[in-house]
C-alpha atoms as a PDB file:
ATOM      1  CA  MET A   1      -5.176 -15.203  10.887  1.00  0.00           C
ATOM      2  CA  VAL A   2      -6.679 -12.360  13.225  1.00  0.00           C
ATOM      3  CA  PHE A   3      -9.926 -14.010  13.897  1.00  0.00           C
ATOM      4  CA  GLN A   4     -11.064 -17.489  12.560  1.00  0.00           C
ATOM      5  CA  GLY A   5     -14.289 -19.502  11.946  1.00  0.00           C
ATOM      6  CA  LEU A   6     -15.538 -17.449   8.801  1.00  0.00           C
ATOM      7  CA  ASP A   7     -16.498 -19.120   5.626  1.00  0.00           C
ATOM      8  CA  THR A   8     -14.011 -16.821   3.605  1.00  0.00           C
ATOM      9  CA  SER A   9     -13.110 -19.254   0.682  1.00  0.00           C
ATOM     10  CA  ALA A  10     -13.981 -16.441  -2.122  1.00  0.00           C
ATOM     11  CA  PHE A  11     -12.199 -13.905  -0.238  1.00  0.00           C
ATOM     12  CA  ASP A  12      -9.194 -16.259   0.572  1.00  0.00           C
ATOM     13  CA  ILE A  13      -9.184 -15.892  -3.430  1.00  0.00           C
ATOM     14  CA  LEU A  14      -9.266 -12.406  -3.603  1.00  0.00           C
ATOM     15  CA  VAL A  15      -6.330 -11.890  -0.995  1.00  0.00           C
ATOM     16  CA  ARG A  16      -3.703 -14.078  -2.630  1.00  0.00           C
ATOM     17  CA  MET A  17      -4.383 -12.578  -5.641  1.00  0.00           C
ATOM     18  CA  VAL A  18      -3.572  -9.299  -4.201  1.00  0.00           C
ATOM     19  CA  HIS A  19      -0.663 -10.833  -2.469  1.00  0.00           C
ATOM     20  CA  ASN A  20       0.620 -12.590  -5.875  1.00  0.00           C
ATOM     21  CA  ARG A  21       0.467  -9.197  -8.076  1.00  0.00           C
ATOM     22  CA  ASP A  22       1.931  -6.673  -5.080  1.00  0.00           C
ATOM     23  CA  PRO A  23       6.050  -7.937  -4.645  1.00  0.00           C
ATOM     24  CA  ASP A  24       5.866  -5.863  -1.338  1.00  0.00           C
ATOM     25  CA  SER A  25       3.788  -8.862  -0.088  1.00  0.00           C
ATOM     26  CA  ARG A  26       6.575 -11.505  -0.662  1.00  0.00           C
ATOM     27  CA  ARG A  27       8.845  -9.491   1.827  1.00  0.00           C
ATOM     28  CA  GLY A  28      10.171 -11.367   4.912  1.00  0.00           C
ATOM     29  CA  PRO A  29       9.105 -10.668   8.508  1.00  0.00           C
ATOM     30  CA  ASP A  30      12.057  -8.229   9.390  1.00  0.00           C
ATOM     31  CA  GLN A  31      11.388  -6.001   6.173  1.00  0.00           C
ATOM     32  CA  PRO A  32       8.694  -3.720   6.967  1.00  0.00           C
ATOM     33  CA  LYS A  33       7.050  -2.651   3.922  1.00  0.00           C
ATOM     34  CA  HIS A  34       8.769   0.838   2.895  1.00  0.00           C
ATOM     35  CA  ILE A  35       6.015   3.227   2.308  1.00  0.00           C
ATOM     36  CA  SER A  36       7.608   6.317  -0.246  1.00  0.00           C
ATOM     37  CA  ARG A  37       6.724   9.098  -2.352  1.00  0.00           C
ATOM     38  CA  GLN A  38       9.212   8.649  -4.803  1.00  0.00           C
ATOM     39  CA  HIS A  39       7.721   5.740  -6.343  1.00  0.00           C
ATOM     40  CA  MET A  40       4.959   6.904  -7.178  1.00  0.00           C
ATOM     41  CA  VAL A  41       3.621   8.147 -10.619  1.00  0.00           C
ATOM     42  CA  PRO A  42       0.735  10.635 -11.014  1.00  0.00           C
ATOM     43  CA  VAL A  43      -2.971   9.507 -12.215  1.00  0.00           C
ATOM     44  CA  ARG A  44      -3.554   9.618 -15.911  1.00  0.00           C
ATOM     45  CA  GLY A  45      -6.473  11.505 -16.591  1.00  0.00           C
ATOM     46  CA  GLN A  46      -8.882  12.569 -14.251  1.00  0.00           C
ATOM     47  CA  PRO A  47      -9.758  10.925 -11.050  1.00  0.00           C
ATOM     48  CA  GLY A  48     -12.565   8.634 -10.731  1.00  0.00           C
ATOM     49  CA  VAL A  49     -15.587   9.434  -9.177  1.00  0.00           C
ATOM     50  CA  GLY A  50     -17.595   7.387  -6.668  1.00  0.00           C
ATOM     51  CA  ARG A  51     -21.067   7.704  -5.723  1.00  0.00           C
ATOM     52  CA  ALA A  52     -22.677  10.850  -4.430  1.00  0.00           C
ATOM     53  CA  GLY A  53     -19.589  12.450  -6.013  1.00  0.00           C
ATOM     54  CA  HIS A  54     -17.139  11.107  -3.780  1.00  0.00           C
ATOM     55  CA  HIS A  55     -13.502  10.597  -5.266  1.00  0.00           C
ATOM     56  CA  VAL A  56     -12.348   7.084  -5.175  1.00  0.00           C
ATOM     57  CA  ALA A  57      -8.677   6.658  -4.966  1.00  0.00           C
ATOM     58  CA  GLN A  58      -7.034   5.095  -8.127  1.00  0.00           C
ATOM     59  CA  VAL A  59      -3.673   2.693  -8.545  1.00  0.00           C
ATOM     60  CA  GLU A  60      -2.222   2.068 -11.930  1.00  0.00           C
ATOM     61  CA  PRO A  61       1.046   0.013 -12.479  1.00  0.00           C
ATOM     62  CA  ALA A  62       4.527   1.882 -12.837  1.00  0.00           C
ATOM     63  CA  ASP A  63       6.958   2.539 -15.543  1.00  0.00           C
ATOM     64  CA  GLY A  64       9.376  -0.205 -15.701  1.00  0.00           C
ATOM     65  CA  ALA A  65      12.174   2.289 -14.453  1.00  0.00           C
ATOM     66  CA  ASP A  66       9.847   2.680 -10.880  1.00  0.00           C
ATOM     67  CA  ARG A  67       9.615  -1.037 -10.334  1.00  0.00           C
ATOM     68  CA  ASP A  68      11.612  -2.182  -6.873  1.00  0.00           C
ATOM     69  CA  HIS A  69      14.272  -3.755  -8.841  1.00  0.00           C
ATOM     70  CA  HIS A  70      15.205  -6.204  -5.938  1.00  0.00           C
ATOM     71  CA  ASP A  71      11.700  -7.577  -5.385  1.00  0.00           C
ATOM     72  CA  LEU A  72      10.741  -7.693  -9.391  1.00  0.00           C
ATOM     73  CA  SER A  73      14.450  -9.172 -10.733  1.00  0.00           C
ATOM     74  CA  ALA A  74      13.969 -12.777  -9.686  1.00  0.00           C
ATOM     75  CA  ALA A  75      10.185 -12.877 -11.018  1.00  0.00           C
ATOM     76  CA  SER A  76      10.248 -11.697 -14.393  1.00  0.00           C
ATOM     77  CA  ASP A  77       6.978 -13.346 -15.417  1.00  0.00           C
ATOM     78  CA  THR A  78       5.073 -11.534 -12.737  1.00  0.00           C
ATOM     79  CA  LYS A  79       2.460  -8.370 -13.449  1.00  0.00           C
ATOM     80  CA  PRO A  80       4.088  -4.840 -12.897  1.00  0.00           C
ATOM     81  CA  ALA A  81       4.277  -3.716  -9.389  1.00  0.00           C
ATOM     82  CA  MET A  82       0.983  -1.577  -8.527  1.00  0.00           C
ATOM     83  CA  THR A  83       1.595   1.968  -7.678  1.00  0.00           C
ATOM     84  CA  ILE A  84      -0.752   2.901  -4.920  1.00  0.00           C
ATOM     85  CA  GLN A  85      -1.541   6.860  -5.084  1.00  0.00           C
ATOM     86  CA  PRO A  86      -1.777   8.682  -1.588  1.00  0.00           C
ATOM     87  CA  LEU A  87      -5.486  10.545  -1.084  1.00  0.00           C
ATOM     88  CA  ARG A  88      -6.548  13.661  -2.494  1.00  0.00           C
ATOM     89  CA  ASP A  89      -5.309  16.790   0.027  1.00  0.00           C
ATOM     90  CA  ASP A  90      -8.603  18.678  -0.623  1.00  0.00           C
ATOM     91  CA  LEU A  91     -10.725  16.143   0.422  1.00  0.00           C
ATOM     92  CA  MET A  92     -11.586  14.128   3.446  1.00  0.00           C
ATOM     93  CA  VAL A  93     -10.435  10.838   3.713  1.00  0.00           C
ATOM     94  CA  GLN A  94     -13.927   9.754   4.263  1.00  0.00           C
ATOM     95  CA  GLN A  95     -14.842  11.332   1.426  1.00  0.00           C
ATOM     96  CA  GLN A  96     -12.382   9.116  -0.696  1.00  0.00           C
ATOM     97  CA  LEU A  97     -13.509   5.643  -0.096  1.00  0.00           C
ATOM     98  CA  PRO A  98     -12.676   3.352  -2.677  1.00  0.00           C
ATOM     99  CA  ALA A  99     -15.471   0.345  -1.926  1.00  0.00           C
ATOM    100  CA  ARG A 100     -18.808   0.484  -4.254  1.00  0.00           C
ATOM    101  CA  VAL A 101     -20.502  -1.449  -2.228  1.00  0.00           C
ATOM    102  CA  GLU A 102     -22.248   0.215   0.633  1.00  0.00           C
ATOM    103  CA  TRP A 103     -21.637  -2.583   3.683  1.00  0.00           C
ATOM    104  CA  ILE A 104     -17.816  -2.656   2.734  1.00  0.00           C
ATOM    105  CA  ARG A 105     -17.493   1.150   2.322  1.00  0.00           C
ATOM    106  CA  ARG A 106     -18.858   1.583   6.042  1.00  0.00           C
ATOM    107  CA  TRP A 107     -15.599  -0.650   6.991  1.00  0.00           C
ATOM    108  CA  GLN A 108     -13.697   1.529   5.270  1.00  0.00           C
ATOM    109  CA  HIS A 109     -15.067   4.597   7.233  1.00  0.00           C
ATOM    110  CA  MET A 110     -14.315   3.059  10.254  1.00  0.00           C
ATOM    111  CA  VAL A 111     -10.985   1.577   9.595  1.00  0.00           C
ATOM    112  CA  ALA A 112     -10.499   5.152   8.314  1.00  0.00           C
ATOM    113  CA  VAL A 113     -11.438   6.811  11.760  1.00  0.00           C
ATOM    114  CA  ILE A 114      -9.501   4.738  13.594  1.00  0.00           C
ATOM    115  CA  MET A 115      -6.255   5.573  11.512  1.00  0.00           C
ATOM    116  CA  LEU A 116      -7.040   9.279  12.072  1.00  0.00           C
ATOM    117  CA  ASN A 117      -7.246   9.075  16.160  1.00  0.00           C
ATOM    118  CA  GLN A 118      -4.601  10.603  17.365  1.00  0.00           C
ATOM    119  CA  THR A 119      -2.485  11.591  14.273  1.00  0.00           C
ATOM    120  CA  GLY A 120      -2.031  13.480  11.365  1.00  0.00           C
ATOM    121  CA  ARG A 121      -4.350  13.353   7.951  1.00  0.00           C
ATOM    122  CA  LYS A 122      -1.558  13.286   6.109  1.00  0.00           C
ATOM    123  CA  PRO A 123       0.256  10.178   6.744  1.00  0.00           C
ATOM    124  CA  VAL A 124      -3.324   8.335   6.741  1.00  0.00           C
ATOM    125  CA  LYS A 125      -3.698   9.583   3.204  1.00  0.00           C
ATOM    126  CA  THR A 126      -0.719   7.599   2.548  1.00  0.00           C
ATOM    127  CA  VAL A 127      -1.476   4.613   4.307  1.00  0.00           C
ATOM    128  CA  PHE A 128      -5.157   4.321   4.175  1.00  0.00           C
ATOM    129  CA  PRO A 129      -4.887   3.385   0.383  1.00  0.00           C
ATOM    130  CA  ILE A 130      -2.577   0.923   1.023  1.00  0.00           C
ATOM    131  CA  PHE A 131      -4.417  -1.109   3.495  1.00  0.00           C
ATOM    132  CA  VAL A 132      -7.510  -1.028   1.669  1.00  0.00           C
ATOM    133  CA  HIS A 133      -5.850  -1.866  -1.205  1.00  0.00           C
ATOM    134  CA  ARG A 134      -4.079  -4.754   0.300  1.00  0.00           C
ATOM    135  CA  TRP A 135      -7.219  -6.256   2.824  1.00  0.00           C
ATOM    136  CA  PRO A 136     -10.482  -4.049   0.839  1.00  0.00           C
ATOM    137  CA  THR A 137     -12.867  -6.182   2.340  1.00  0.00           C
ATOM    138  CA  PRO A 138     -13.240  -7.247   6.209  1.00  0.00           C
ATOM    139  CA  LEU A 139     -13.443 -10.700   5.392  1.00  0.00           C
ATOM    140  CA  GLY A 140     -10.159 -10.508   3.515  1.00  0.00           C
ATOM    141  CA  PHE A 141      -8.344  -8.793   6.402  1.00  0.00           C
ATOM    142  CA  GLY A 142      -9.513 -11.424   8.804  1.00  0.00           C
ATOM    143  CA  GLN A 143      -6.991 -13.632   7.038  1.00  0.00           C
ATOM    144  CA  ALA A 144      -4.268 -10.631   7.745  1.00  0.00           C
ATOM    145  CA  THR A 145      -1.850 -11.416  10.754  1.00  0.00           C
ATOM    146  CA  GLU A 146      -0.808  -9.080  13.235  1.00  0.00           C
ATOM    147  CA  GLN A 147       2.544  -8.611  11.884  1.00  0.00           C
ATOM    148  CA  GLU A 148       1.450  -7.751   8.600  1.00  0.00           C
ATOM    149  CA  ILE A 149      -1.121  -5.042   9.905  1.00  0.00           C
ATOM    150  CA  LYS A 150       1.550  -3.844  12.249  1.00  0.00           C
ATOM    151  CA  GLN A 151       4.145  -3.594   8.805  1.00  0.00           C
ATOM    152  CA  VAL A 152       1.721  -1.551   6.943  1.00  0.00           C
ATOM    153  CA  ILE A 153      -0.086   0.935   9.782  1.00  0.00           C
ATOM    154  CA  TRP A 154       3.366   1.631  11.508  1.00  0.00           C
ATOM    155  CA  PRO A 155       3.776   4.999   9.603  1.00  0.00           C
ATOM    156  CA  LEU A 156       0.651   5.944  12.377  1.00  0.00           C
ATOM    157  CA  GLY A 157       2.084   5.404  15.456  1.00  0.00           C
ATOM    158  CA  MET A 158       0.267   3.784  18.127  1.00  0.00           C
ATOM    159  CA  VAL A 159       0.623   0.457  16.253  1.00  0.00           C
ATOM    160  CA  ASN A 160      -0.209  -2.413  19.174  1.00  0.00           C
ATOM    161  CA  VAL A 161      -2.898  -0.193  19.636  1.00  0.00           C
ATOM    162  CA  ARG A 162      -4.210   0.511  16.382  1.00  0.00           C
ATOM    163  CA  CYS A 163      -3.795  -2.595  15.237  1.00  0.00           C
ATOM    164  CA  LYS A 164      -5.979  -3.952  18.092  1.00  0.00           C
ATOM    165  CA  ARG A 165      -8.824  -1.535  17.561  1.00  0.00           C
ATOM    166  CA  LEU A 166      -8.854  -2.304  13.635  1.00  0.00           C
ATOM    167  CA  VAL A 167      -9.042  -6.353  14.408  1.00  0.00           C
ATOM    168  CA  ARG A 168     -11.575  -6.031  17.565  1.00  0.00           C
ATOM    169  CA  MET A 169     -13.726  -3.265  15.656  1.00  0.00           C
ATOM    170  CA  THR A 170     -14.008  -5.717  12.221  1.00  0.00           C
ATOM    171  CA  GLU A 171     -14.953  -8.570  14.186  1.00  0.00           C
ATOM    172  CA  ASP A 172     -17.484  -6.563  15.915  1.00  0.00           C
ATOM    173  CA  PHE A 173     -18.472  -5.197  12.295  1.00  0.00           C
ATOM    174  CA  LEU A 174     -19.568  -8.820  11.135  1.00  0.00           C
ATOM    175  CA  THR A 175     -22.557  -8.708  13.505  1.00  0.00           C
ATOM    176  CA  TRP A 176     -23.101  -5.321  13.698  1.00  0.00           C
ATOM    177  CA  ASP A 177     -26.346  -3.724  13.069  1.00  0.00           C
ATOM    178  CA  GLY A 178     -25.170  -0.075  11.159  1.00  0.00           C
ATOM    179  CA  ASP A 179     -27.041   1.721  13.817  1.00  0.00           C
ATOM    180  CA  ASP A 180     -24.986   2.905  16.749  1.00  0.00           C
ATOM    181  CA  ALA A 181     -21.360   3.074  15.343  1.00  0.00           C
ATOM    182  CA  THR A 182     -20.379   3.459  18.750  1.00  0.00           C
ATOM    183  CA  MET A 183     -21.110  -0.540  19.455  1.00  0.00           C
ATOM    184  CA  LEU A 184     -17.336  -0.983  17.449  1.00  0.00           C
ATOM    185  CA  TYR A 185     -14.817  -1.215  19.358  1.00  0.00           C
ATOM    186  CA  GLY A 186     -12.530   1.762  19.120  1.00  0.00           C
ATOM    187  CA  ILE A 187     -15.064   4.072  17.705  1.00  0.00           C
ATOM    188  CA  GLY A 188     -15.438   6.807  20.087  1.00  0.00           C
ATOM    189  CA  ARG A 189     -17.624  10.650  19.357  1.00  0.00           C
ATOM    190  CA  TYR A 190     -15.454  11.268  16.495  1.00  0.00           C
ATOM    191  CA  GLY A 191     -16.111   8.156  14.505  1.00  0.00           C
ATOM    192  CA  SER A 192     -19.804   8.542  15.690  1.00  0.00           C
ATOM    193  CA  ASP A 193     -20.362  11.630  14.514  1.00  0.00           C
ATOM    194  CA  SER A 194     -18.526  11.009  10.728  1.00  0.00           C
ATOM    195  CA  TYR A 195     -20.698   8.135  10.378  1.00  0.00           C
ATOM    196  CA  GLU A 196     -23.725   9.879  11.205  1.00  0.00           C
ATOM    197  CA  ILE A 197     -22.627  12.582   8.863  1.00  0.00           C
ATOM    198  CA  PHE A 198     -21.621  10.514   6.191  1.00  0.00           C
ATOM    199  CA  PHE A 199     -23.675   7.506   6.034  1.00  0.00           C
ATOM    200  CA  LYS A 200     -26.528   8.166   7.752  1.00  0.00           C
ATOM    201  CA  GLN A 201     -27.136  11.965   6.394  1.00  0.00           C
ATOM    202  CA  ASN A 202     -27.756  13.298  10.034  1.00  0.00           C
ATOM    203  CA  TYR A 203     -26.785  16.761  10.157  1.00  0.00           C
ATOM    204  CA  SER A 204     -27.725  17.504  13.511  1.00  0.00           C
ATOM    205  CA  VAL A 205     -24.743  16.323  15.140  1.00  0.00           C
ATOM    206  CA  GLU A 206     -22.745  18.949  16.929  1.00  0.00           C
ATOM    207  CA  PRO A 207     -19.021  17.531  15.856  1.00  0.00           C
ATOM    208  CA  THR A 208     -16.147  18.976  18.214  1.00  0.00           C
ATOM    209  CA  ASP A 209     -13.454  17.981  15.377  1.00  0.00           C
ATOM    210  CA  LYS A 210     -12.793  20.735  13.348  1.00  0.00           C
ATOM    211  CA  GLU A 211     -12.746  19.085   9.885  1.00  0.00           C
ATOM    212  CA  LEU A 212     -16.037  17.829  10.603  1.00  0.00           C
ATOM    213  CA  VAL A 213     -17.071  21.190  11.386  1.00  0.00           C
ATOM    214  CA  ARG A 214     -15.630  22.618   8.478  1.00  0.00           C
ATOM    215  CA  TYR A 215     -17.145  20.167   6.646  1.00  0.00           C
ATOM    216  CA  LEU A 216     -21.024  20.994   7.759  1.00  0.00           C
ATOM    217  CA  ARG A 217     -20.448  24.533   7.021  1.00  0.00           C
ATOM    218  CA  GLU A 218     -18.717  24.595   3.744  1.00  0.00           C
ATOM    219  CA  GLU A 219     -20.013  21.076   2.134  1.00  0.00           C
ATOM    220  CA  ILE A 220     -23.607  20.983   3.963  1.00  0.00           C
ATOM    221  CA  PHE A 221     -23.932  24.650   4.059  1.00  0.00           C
ATOM    222  CA  ILE A 222     -25.085  24.159   7.760  1.00  0.00           C
ATOM    223  CA  THR A 223     -23.476  26.555  10.723  1.00  0.00           C
ATOM    224  CA  ALA A 224     -23.586  26.338  14.576  1.00  0.00           C
END
């Protein structure tokens, strides 16, 4: 476990449920989870829409032909493999947080901004939904090992640094008052500005990140 000392029985059950239905969770320690677009299938129907009009990432079972055959061959009685869709290209990651509960959404936001630090948005839009599907809550994430975390985030680079930031941020988050985001480990100017905009509706911030500037200009109609 990454951190201990928590009453997490309910979330232990949730994590086991996620792992049991995800064949990739049974891979050995030397078999990192492979992220490939070739196994992805289109989402049927319209994308879900979350609170405040934010898009909600969706997952659905792949057809039989698209299943990971070497994982399912010995588990015919298991549920179909889940195909996790990348986030939409036309929306920011912060606009597509899947959680409905506000407290969990805030944690997922902090996870996202740590992933976005010093990496491109396209790989984050593939890795982030996989991450939050496997660990949808901060308490569930507390049961993960470093090796498991690194296997998921390795496409983003800076694996050791990013893993440490995610773990330490989550530990801080459990006792955080929800005010100043910079009080969380690994959250700097970008993460703080993003939190002020998306969760506190503080549009007086003056972000330096071009995507946050664009969001304020095009979505909130605020110009510098």
